C-alpha atoms as a PDB file:
ATOM      1  CA  UNK A   1       0.000   0.000   0.000  1.00  0.00           C
ATOM      2  CA  UNK A   2       1.456   3.333  -1.038  1.00  0.00           C
ATOM      3  CA  UNK A   3       1.728   5.784   1.844  1.00  0.00           C
ATOM      4  CA  UNK A   4       2.260   9.536   1.468  1.00  0.00           C
ATOM      5  CA  UNK A   5       4.447  11.367   3.974  1.00  0.00           C
ATOM      6  CA  UNK A   6       2.531  10.977   7.268  1.00  0.00           C
ATOM      7  CA  UNK A   7       1.227  13.862   9.343  1.00  0.00           C
ATOM      8  CA  UNK A   8       0.860  13.761  13.103  1.00  0.00           C
ATOM      9  CA  UNK A   9      -2.574  14.405  14.557  1.00  0.00           C
ATOM     10  CA  UNK A  10      -2.899  17.946  15.807  1.00  0.00           C
ATOM     11  CA  UNK A  11       0.090  19.284  13.877  1.00  0.00           C
ATOM     12  CA  UNK A  12       0.993  20.316  10.349  1.00  0.00           C
ATOM     13  CA  UNK A  13       4.591  19.111  10.355  1.00  0.00           C
ATOM     14  CA  UNK A  14       5.428  15.663   8.978  1.00  0.00           C
ATOM     15  CA  UNK A  15       7.010  13.267  11.435  1.00  0.00           C
ATOM     16  CA  UNK A  16      10.745  13.063  10.896  1.00  0.00           C
ATOM     17  CA  UNK A  17      11.843   9.576   9.883  1.00  0.00           C
ATOM     18  CA  UNK A  18      13.647   7.749  12.687  1.00  0.00           C
ATOM     19  CA  UNK A  19      14.039   4.118  13.610  1.00  0.00           C
ATOM     20  CA  UNK A  20      13.050   3.501  17.224  1.00  0.00           C
ATOM     21  CA  UNK A  21      11.820   0.615  19.283  1.00  0.00           C
ATOM     22  CA  UNK A  22       9.861   0.050  22.459  1.00  0.00           C
ATOM     23  CA  UNK A  23      12.029  -1.193  25.331  1.00  0.00           C
ATOM     24  CA  UNK A  24      10.339  -3.417  27.895  1.00  0.00           C
ATOM     25  CA  UNK A  25      10.574  -2.454  31.549  1.00  0.00           C
ATOM     26  CA  UNK A  26       9.029  -4.321  34.470  1.00  0.00           C
ATOM     27  CA  UNK A  27       6.646  -2.373  36.652  1.00  0.00           C
ATOM     28  CA  UNK A  28       3.591  -2.974  38.816  1.00  0.00           C
ATOM     29  CA  UNK A  29       3.370  -6.603  37.743  1.00  0.00           C
ATOM     30  CA  UNK A  30       2.867  -5.909  34.039  1.00  0.00           C
ATOM     31  CA  UNK A  31       4.920  -5.105  30.988  1.00  0.00           C
ATOM     32  CA  UNK A  32       5.390  -1.353  30.785  1.00  0.00           C
ATOM     33  CA  UNK A  33       6.300   0.121  27.410  1.00  0.00           C
ATOM     34  CA  UNK A  34       7.675   3.572  26.826  1.00  0.00           C
ATOM     35  CA  UNK A  35       8.404   5.088  23.421  1.00  0.00           C
ATOM     36  CA  UNK A  36      11.914   6.401  23.009  1.00  0.00           C
ATOM     37  CA  UNK A  37      10.718   9.250  20.832  1.00  0.00           C
ATOM     38  CA  UNK A  38       7.303   9.949  22.381  1.00  0.00           C
ATOM     39  CA  UNK A  39       5.167   9.433  19.242  1.00  0.00           C
ATOM     40  CA  UNK A  40       1.734  10.841  18.556  1.00  0.00           C
ATOM     41  CA  UNK A  41      -0.987   8.227  18.990  1.00  0.00           C
ATOM     42  CA  UNK A  42      -2.656   8.745  15.595  1.00  0.00           C
ATOM     43  CA  UNK A  43      -0.933   9.298  12.246  1.00  0.00           C
ATOM     44  CA  UNK A  44      -2.380   9.469   8.771  1.00  0.00           C
ATOM     45  CA  UNK A  45      -1.974   9.944   5.055  1.00  0.00           C
ATOM     46  CA  UNK A  46      -2.734  13.676   4.950  1.00  0.00           C
ATOM     47  CA  UNK A  47      -4.054  16.560   7.073  1.00  0.00           C
ATOM     48  CA  UNK A  48      -7.516  16.333   5.506  1.00  0.00           C
ATOM     49  CA  UNK A  49      -8.037  12.738   6.663  1.00  0.00           C
ATOM     50  CA  UNK A  50      -6.724  13.538  10.133  1.00  0.00           C
ATOM     51  CA  UNK A  51      -9.010  16.548  10.431  1.00  0.00           C
ATOM     52  CA  UNK A  52     -12.060  14.723   9.082  1.00  0.00           C
ATOM     53  CA  UNK A  53     -11.641  11.788  11.471  1.00  0.00           C
ATOM     54  CA  UNK A  54     -10.393  13.738  14.483  1.00  0.00           C
ATOM     55  CA  UNK A  55     -13.481  12.833  16.510  1.00  0.00           C
ATOM     56  CA  UNK A  56     -14.182   9.492  14.803  1.00  0.00           C
ATOM     57  CA  UNK A  57     -10.891   7.623  15.379  1.00  0.00           C
ATOM     58  CA  UNK A  58      -9.720   8.482  18.871  1.00  0.00           C
ATOM     59  CA  UNK A  59      -6.972   7.058  21.091  1.00  0.00           C
ATOM     60  CA  UNK A  60      -6.826   7.799  24.807  1.00  0.00           C
ATOM     61  CA  UNK A  61      -3.485   6.494  26.118  1.00  0.00           C
ATOM     62  CA  UNK A  62      -3.280   5.630  29.803  1.00  0.00           C
ATOM     63  CA  UNK A  63      -7.046   5.267  30.166  1.00  0.00           C
ATOM     64  CA  UNK A  64      -6.460   2.366  32.559  1.00  0.00           C
ATOM     65  CA  UNK A  65      -4.141   2.381  35.529  1.00  0.00           C
ATOM     66  CA  UNK A  66      -1.801  -0.593  35.986  1.00  0.00           C
ATOM     67  CA  UNK A  67      -4.100  -1.854  38.737  1.00  0.00           C
ATOM     68  CA  UNK A  68      -7.192  -1.600  36.509  1.00  0.00           C
ATOM     69  CA  UNK A  69      -5.472  -3.449  33.687  1.00  0.00           C
ATOM     70  CA  UNK A  70      -4.501  -6.177  36.144  1.00  0.00           C
ATOM     71  CA  UNK A  71      -8.086  -6.359  37.422  1.00  0.00           C
ATOM     72  CA  UNK A  72      -9.487  -6.997  33.942  1.00  0.00           C
ATOM     73  CA  UNK A  73      -6.727  -9.404  32.919  1.00  0.00           C
ATOM     74  CA  UNK A  74      -7.059 -11.437  36.112  1.00  0.00           C
ATOM     75  CA  UNK A  75     -10.827 -11.712  35.708  1.00  0.00           C
ATOM     76  CA  UNK A  76     -10.632 -12.768  32.059  1.00  0.00           C
ATOM     77  CA  UNK A  77      -7.751 -15.238  32.300  1.00  0.00           C
ATOM     78  CA  UNK A  78      -9.601 -18.270  33.771  1.00  0.00           C
ATOM     79  CA  UNK A  79     -12.298 -18.142  31.100  1.00  0.00           C
ATOM     80  CA  UNK A  80      -9.867 -17.577  28.236  1.00  0.00           C
ATOM     81  CA  UNK A  81      -7.546 -20.318  29.452  1.00  0.00           C
ATOM     82  CA  UNK A  82     -10.334 -22.865  28.949  1.00  0.00           C
ATOM     83  CA  UNK A  83     -10.385 -22.074  25.223  1.00  0.00           C
ATOM     84  CA  UNK A  84      -7.931 -22.979  22.493  1.00  0.00           C
ATOM     85  CA  UNK A  85      -6.464 -20.514  20.042  1.00  0.00           C
ATOM     86  CA  UNK A  86      -8.175 -20.795  16.685  1.00  0.00           C
ATOM     87  CA  UNK A  87      -6.865 -20.159  13.184  1.00  0.00           C
ATOM     88  CA  UNK A  88     -10.044 -19.937  11.135  1.00  0.00           C
ATOM     89  CA  UNK A  89     -12.698 -17.341  11.953  1.00  0.00           C
ATOM     90  CA  UNK A  90     -16.270 -17.510  10.662  1.00  0.00           C
ATOM     91  CA  UNK A  91     -15.577 -14.564   8.323  1.00  0.00           C
ATOM     92  CA  UNK A  92     -11.863 -15.486   7.775  1.00  0.00           C
ATOM     93  CA  UNK A  93     -10.690 -12.193   9.281  1.00  0.00           C
ATOM     94  CA  UNK A  94      -8.776 -13.307  12.406  1.00  0.00           C
ATOM     95  CA  UNK A  95      -5.782 -15.615  12.784  1.00  0.00           C
ATOM     96  CA  UNK A  96      -4.505 -16.986  16.101  1.00  0.00           C
ATOM     97  CA  UNK A  97      -7.294 -15.936  18.449  1.00  0.00           C
ATOM     98  CA  UNK A  98      -9.713 -16.982  21.116  1.00  0.00           C
ATOM     99  CA  UNK A  99     -12.779 -14.964  22.028  1.00  0.00           C
ATOM    100  CA  UNK A 100     -15.792 -14.818  24.252  1.00  0.00           C
ATOM    101  CA  UNK A 101     -18.821 -12.669  25.015  1.00  0.00           C
ATOM    102  CA  UNK A 102     -19.062 -11.671  28.664  1.00  0.00           C
ATOM    103  CA  UNK A 103     -22.084 -10.189  30.429  1.00  0.00           C
ATOM    104  CA  UNK A 104     -21.270 -10.777  34.107  1.00  0.00           C
ATOM    105  CA  UNK A 105     -18.392  -8.824  35.635  1.00  0.00           C
ATOM    106  CA  UNK A 106     -16.999  -8.137  39.069  1.00  0.00           C
ATOM    107  CA  UNK A 107     -17.890  -4.838  40.697  1.00  0.00           C
ATOM    108  CA  UNK A 108     -14.411  -3.446  40.002  1.00  0.00           C
ATOM    109  CA  UNK A 109     -14.585  -4.364  36.312  1.00  0.00           C
ATOM    110  CA  UNK A 110     -18.110  -2.978  35.978  1.00  0.00           C
ATOM    111  CA  UNK A 111     -16.810   0.367  37.228  1.00  0.00           C
ATOM    112  CA  UNK A 112     -14.112   0.329  34.537  1.00  0.00           C
ATOM    113  CA  UNK A 113     -16.614  -0.513  31.805  1.00  0.00           C
ATOM    114  CA  UNK A 114     -18.900   2.253  33.006  1.00  0.00           C
ATOM    115  CA  UNK A 115     -16.033   4.715  32.478  1.00  0.00           C
ATOM    116  CA  UNK A 116     -15.641   3.366  28.944  1.00  0.00           C
ATOM    117  CA  UNK A 117     -19.342   3.887  28.255  1.00  0.00           C
ATOM    118  CA  UNK A 118     -19.211   7.435  29.613  1.00  0.00           C
ATOM    119  CA  UNK A 119     -16.119   8.273  27.541  1.00  0.00           C
ATOM    120  CA  UNK A 120     -17.165   6.726  24.230  1.00  0.00           C
ATOM    121  CA  UNK A 121     -20.942   6.633  23.890  1.00  0.00           C
ATOM    122  CA  UNK A 122     -23.668   9.238  23.848  1.00  0.00           C
ATOM    123  CA  UNK A 123     -26.391   9.256  26.519  1.00  0.00           C
ATOM    124  CA  UNK A 124     -28.961   8.092  23.957  1.00  0.00           C
ATOM    125  CA  UNK A 125     -26.872   5.226  22.578  1.00  0.00           C
ATOM    126  CA  UNK A 126     -28.000   1.753  23.642  1.00  0.00           C
ATOM    127  CA  UNK A 127     -25.227  -0.816  24.032  1.00  0.00           C
ATOM    128  CA  UNK A 128     -25.100  -4.513  23.295  1.00  0.00           C
ATOM    129  CA  UNK A 129     -25.177  -6.152  26.700  1.00  0.00           C
ATOM    130  CA  UNK A 130     -22.411  -8.728  26.102  1.00  0.00           C
ATOM    131  CA  UNK A 131     -18.919  -7.265  26.003  1.00  0.00           C
ATOM    132  CA  UNK A 132     -16.754  -8.804  23.298  1.00  0.00           C
ATOM    133  CA  UNK A 133     -13.373 -10.119  24.500  1.00  0.00           C
ATOM    134  CA  UNK A 134     -10.738 -11.017  21.912  1.00  0.00           C
ATOM    135  CA  UNK A 135      -7.418 -12.654  22.814  1.00  0.00           C
ATOM    136  CA  UNK A 136      -4.708 -12.640  20.117  1.00  0.00           C
ATOM    137  CA  UNK A 137      -1.645 -14.813  20.563  1.00  0.00           C
ATOM    138  CA  UNK A 138       1.737 -13.128  19.866  1.00  0.00           C
ATOM    139  CA  UNK A 139       1.660 -14.275  16.231  1.00  0.00           C
ATOM    140  CA  UNK A 140      -2.051 -13.547  15.850  1.00  0.00           C
ATOM    141  CA  UNK A 141      -3.472 -10.735  13.752  1.00  0.00           C
ATOM    142  CA  UNK A 142      -6.696  -9.318  12.369  1.00  0.00           C
ATOM    143  CA  UNK A 143      -7.019  -8.879   8.619  1.00  0.00           C
ATOM    144  CA  UNK A 144      -8.500  -5.731   7.031  1.00  0.00           C
ATOM    145  CA  UNK A 145     -12.277  -5.792   7.289  1.00  0.00           C
ATOM    146  CA  UNK A 146     -15.288  -3.506   7.583  1.00  0.00           C
ATOM    147  CA  UNK A 147     -17.759  -4.430  10.326  1.00  0.00           C
ATOM    148  CA  UNK A 148     -21.272  -5.275   9.228  1.00  0.00           C
ATOM    149  CA  UNK A 149     -23.984  -2.831  10.249  1.00  0.00           C
ATOM    150  CA  UNK A 150     -26.118  -5.874  11.111  1.00  0.00           C
ATOM    151  CA  UNK A 151     -24.026  -6.796  14.125  1.00  0.00           C
ATOM    152  CA  UNK A 152     -23.088  -3.573  15.913  1.00  0.00           C
ATOM    153  CA  UNK A 153     -23.940   0.100  15.680  1.00  0.00           C
ATOM    154  CA  UNK A 154     -22.161   3.346  14.939  1.00  0.00           C
ATOM    155  CA  UNK A 155     -19.631   3.220  17.808  1.00  0.00           C
ATOM    156  CA  UNK A 156     -17.184   0.676  19.166  1.00  0.00           C
ATOM    157  CA  UNK A 157     -14.728   1.275  22.003  1.00  0.00           C
ATOM    158  CA  UNK A 158     -11.911  -1.077  22.940  1.00  0.00           C
ATOM    159  CA  UNK A 159      -9.493  -1.405  25.847  1.00  0.00           C
ATOM    160  CA  UNK A 160      -6.082  -2.860  24.987  1.00  0.00           C
ATOM    161  CA  UNK A 161      -4.393  -5.146  27.513  1.00  0.00           C
ATOM    162  CA  UNK A 162      -0.968  -6.819  27.810  1.00  0.00           C
ATOM    163  CA  UNK A 163       0.751  -5.831  24.549  1.00  0.00           C
ATOM    164  CA  UNK A 164       1.055  -2.770  22.327  1.00  0.00           C
ATOM    165  CA  UNK A 165      -0.235  -3.040  18.771  1.00  0.00           C
ATOM    166  CA  UNK A 166      -0.899  -0.956  15.698  1.00  0.00           C
ATOM    167  CA  UNK A 167      -4.365  -0.621  14.192  1.00  0.00           C
ATOM    168  CA  UNK A 168      -4.499   0.455  10.556  1.00  0.00           C
ATOM    169  CA  UNK A 169      -7.583   1.981   8.910  1.00  0.00           C
ATOM    170  CA  UNK A 170      -7.790   2.265   5.104  1.00  0.00           C
ATOM    171  CA  UNK A 171     -10.614   3.905   3.164  1.00  0.00           C
ATOM    172  CA  UNK A 172     -12.588   1.228   1.334  1.00  0.00           C
ATOM    173  CA  UNK A 173     -12.949   3.322  -1.845  1.00  0.00           C
ATOM    174  CA  UNK A 174      -9.830   5.527  -1.621  1.00  0.00           C
ATOM    175  CA  UNK A 175      -6.979   3.291  -0.399  1.00  0.00           C
ATOM    176  CA  UNK A 176      -4.520   6.199  -0.369  1.00  0.00           C
ATOM    177  CA  UNK A 177      -6.462   7.550   2.610  1.00  0.00           C
ATOM    178  CA  UNK A 178      -5.373   5.823   5.811  1.00  0.00           C
ATOM    179  CA  UNK A 179      -4.850   6.192   9.539  1.00  0.00           C
ATOM    180  CA  UNK A 180      -2.741   4.251  12.003  1.00  0.00           C
ATOM    181  CA  UNK A 181      -3.482   4.102  15.725  1.00  0.00           C
ATOM    182  CA  UNK A 182      -0.841   3.238  18.311  1.00  0.00           C
ATOM    183  CA  UNK A 183      -2.582   1.155  20.987  1.00  0.00           C
ATOM    184  CA  UNK A 184      -0.484   0.740  24.103  1.00  0.00           C
ATOM    185  CA  UNK A 185      -1.539  -1.438  27.059  1.00  0.00           C
ATOM    186  CA  UNK A 186      -4.103   0.435  29.107  1.00  0.00           C
ATOM    187  CA  UNK A 187      -5.230   2.617  26.198  1.00  0.00           C
ATOM    188  CA  UNK A 188      -8.793   3.114  24.958  1.00  0.00           C
ATOM    189  CA  UNK A 189      -9.605   3.469  21.279  1.00  0.00           C
ATOM    190  CA  UNK A 190     -12.926   4.717  19.905  1.00  0.00           C
ATOM    191  CA  UNK A 191     -14.186   4.257  16.338  1.00  0.00           C
ATOM    192  CA  UNK A 192     -17.418   5.882  15.264  1.00  0.00           C
ATOM    193  CA  UNK A 193     -19.205   7.174  12.178  1.00  0.00           C
ATOM    194  CA  UNK A 194     -17.140   7.219   8.999  1.00  0.00           C
ATOM    195  CA  UNK A 195     -14.185   5.500  10.661  1.00  0.00           C
ATOM    196  CA  UNK A 196     -16.498   2.534  11.319  1.00  0.00           C
ATOM    197  CA  UNK A 197     -18.269   2.239   7.990  1.00  0.00           C
ATOM    198  CA  UNK A 198     -16.022   3.789   5.325  1.00  0.00           C
ATOM    199  CA  UNK A 199     -12.652   2.433   6.472  1.00  0.00           C
ATOM    200  CA  UNK A 200     -11.411  -1.101   6.918  1.00  0.00           C
ATOM    201  CA  UNK A 201      -9.470  -1.756  10.101  1.00  0.00           C
ATOM    202  CA  UNK A 202      -6.913  -4.368  11.094  1.00  0.00           C
ATOM    203  CA  UNK A 203      -4.370  -5.235  13.790  1.00  0.00           C
ATOM    204  CA  UNK A 204      -0.947  -5.651  12.198  1.00  0.00           C
ATOM    205  CA  UNK A 205       0.923  -8.929  12.582  1.00  0.00           C
ATOM    206  CA  UNK A 206       4.196  -8.785  14.503  1.00  0.00           C
ATOM    207  CA  UNK A 207       6.524  -8.655  11.501  1.00  0.00           C
ATOM    208  CA  UNK A 208       4.576  -5.674  10.092  1.00  0.00           C
ATOM    209  CA  UNK A 209       4.057  -3.910  13.406  1.00  0.00           C
ATOM    210  CA  UNK A 210       5.557  -0.456  12.890  1.00  0.00           C
ATOM    211  CA  UNK A 211       4.142   2.940  13.781  1.00  0.00           C
ATOM    212  CA  UNK A 212       5.828   5.138  11.220  1.00  0.00           C
ATOM    213  CA  UNK A 213       9.517   4.269  11.586  1.00  0.00           C
ATOM    214  CA  UNK A 214       9.068   2.890  15.084  1.00  0.00           C
ATOM    215  CA  UNK A 215       9.041  -0.828  15.676  1.00  0.00           C
ATOM    216  CA  UNK A 216       6.158  -1.915  17.944  1.00  0.00           C
ATOM    217  CA  UNK A 217       6.812  -5.562  18.866  1.00  0.00           C
ATOM    218  CA  UNK A 218       3.661  -7.589  19.326  1.00  0.00           C
ATOM    219  CA  UNK A 219       2.989  -9.942  22.213  1.00  0.00           C
ATOM    220  CA  UNK A 220      -0.208 -11.528  23.403  1.00  0.00           C
ATOM    221  CA  UNK A 221      -2.972  -8.912  23.256  1.00  0.00           C
ATOM    222  CA  UNK A 222      -6.421  -8.899  24.833  1.00  0.00           C
ATOM    223  CA  UNK A 223      -9.034  -6.366  23.736  1.00  0.00           C
ATOM    224  CA  UNK A 224     -12.224  -5.678  25.675  1.00  0.00           C
ATOM    225  CA  UNK A 225     -14.764  -4.151  23.288  1.00  0.00           C
ATOM    226  CA  UNK A 226     -18.029  -2.344  23.994  1.00  0.00           C
ATOM    227  CA  UNK A 227     -20.416  -1.842  21.052  1.00  0.00           C
ATOM    228  CA  UNK A 228     -23.483   0.252  20.425  1.00  0.00           C
ATOM    229  CA  UNK A 229     -26.643  -1.547  19.417  1.00  0.00           C
ATOM    230  CA  UNK A 230     -27.336  -1.842  15.677  1.00  0.00           C
ATOM    231  CA  UNK A 231     -30.491   0.015  14.713  1.00  0.00           C
ATOM    232  CA  UNK A 232     -32.110  -3.055  13.137  1.00  0.00           C
ATOM    233  CA  UNK A 233     -31.468  -5.325  16.142  1.00  0.00           C
ATOM    234  CA  UNK A 234     -33.560  -4.642  19.215  1.00  0.00           C
ATOM    235  CA  UNK A 235     -32.474  -5.176  22.827  1.00  0.00           C
ATOM    236  CA  UNK A 236     -32.025  -8.811  23.701  1.00  0.00           C
ATOM    237  CA  UNK A 237     -31.613  -9.813  20.041  1.00  0.00           C
ATOM    238  CA  UNK A 238     -27.864  -9.611  19.355  1.00  0.00           C
ATOM    239  CA  UNK A 239     -26.712 -11.074  16.062  1.00  0.00           C
ATOM    240  CA  UNK A 240     -23.553 -13.006  15.255  1.00  0.00           C
ATOM    241  CA  UNK A 241     -20.597 -11.296  17.015  1.00  0.00           C
ATOM    242  CA  UNK A 242     -18.677  -9.147  14.534  1.00  0.00           C
ATOM    243  CA  UNK A 243     -14.989  -9.280  13.908  1.00  0.00           C
ATOM    244  CA  UNK A 244     -13.535  -6.637  16.171  1.00  0.00           C
ATOM    245  CA  UNK A 245     -10.162  -5.277  17.152  1.00  0.00           C
END
């Protein structure tokens, strides 16, 4: 895919090319990653795309504390451990994954998810009651896809746990228009509107995992995804879970 000189979100100066990597440092019982060069969290093909999607493809780094990330990971691990990693998804979009839909949470986790709902969804938006949990093994990845409007509504919001990753969005009709989101552990991403329906999105496999010139090594990644209700599916009638990042 041809990429023009990228522009950083919120600025009109192209990022200067530099090769960096993310060193791992132990802290608070989890893997802590710090960028050597302090990158922006969203980069794109041109200022017009960045401006147009400023409120539709959002990254909030550090949304979770280390303790909150540990709370979610600890609660999810027993259920995920009972499942095997799979290599063929029903729509052929995910490789090396296990997933579940979870409706019952501890009080601490419910408080975290309530913060996600307050940050990402409007007061009039109804949410699908099951939360989608997707566990990618270190070599796992999600292929480019556009979510079906049948399965979830105009907004999705995902918490990233355990490993950093790069999400790439490419316009379905104009492939020279693209965004990349840097998703560090503890971050929240929000996709809504045009970013949901007009752009494909994917999680890059480890060997392709760069954010600009910066290497972002992939490990095991868990995403916890809240979704608004599709207009054609009423409460209590969720359809087949969509591919999600």
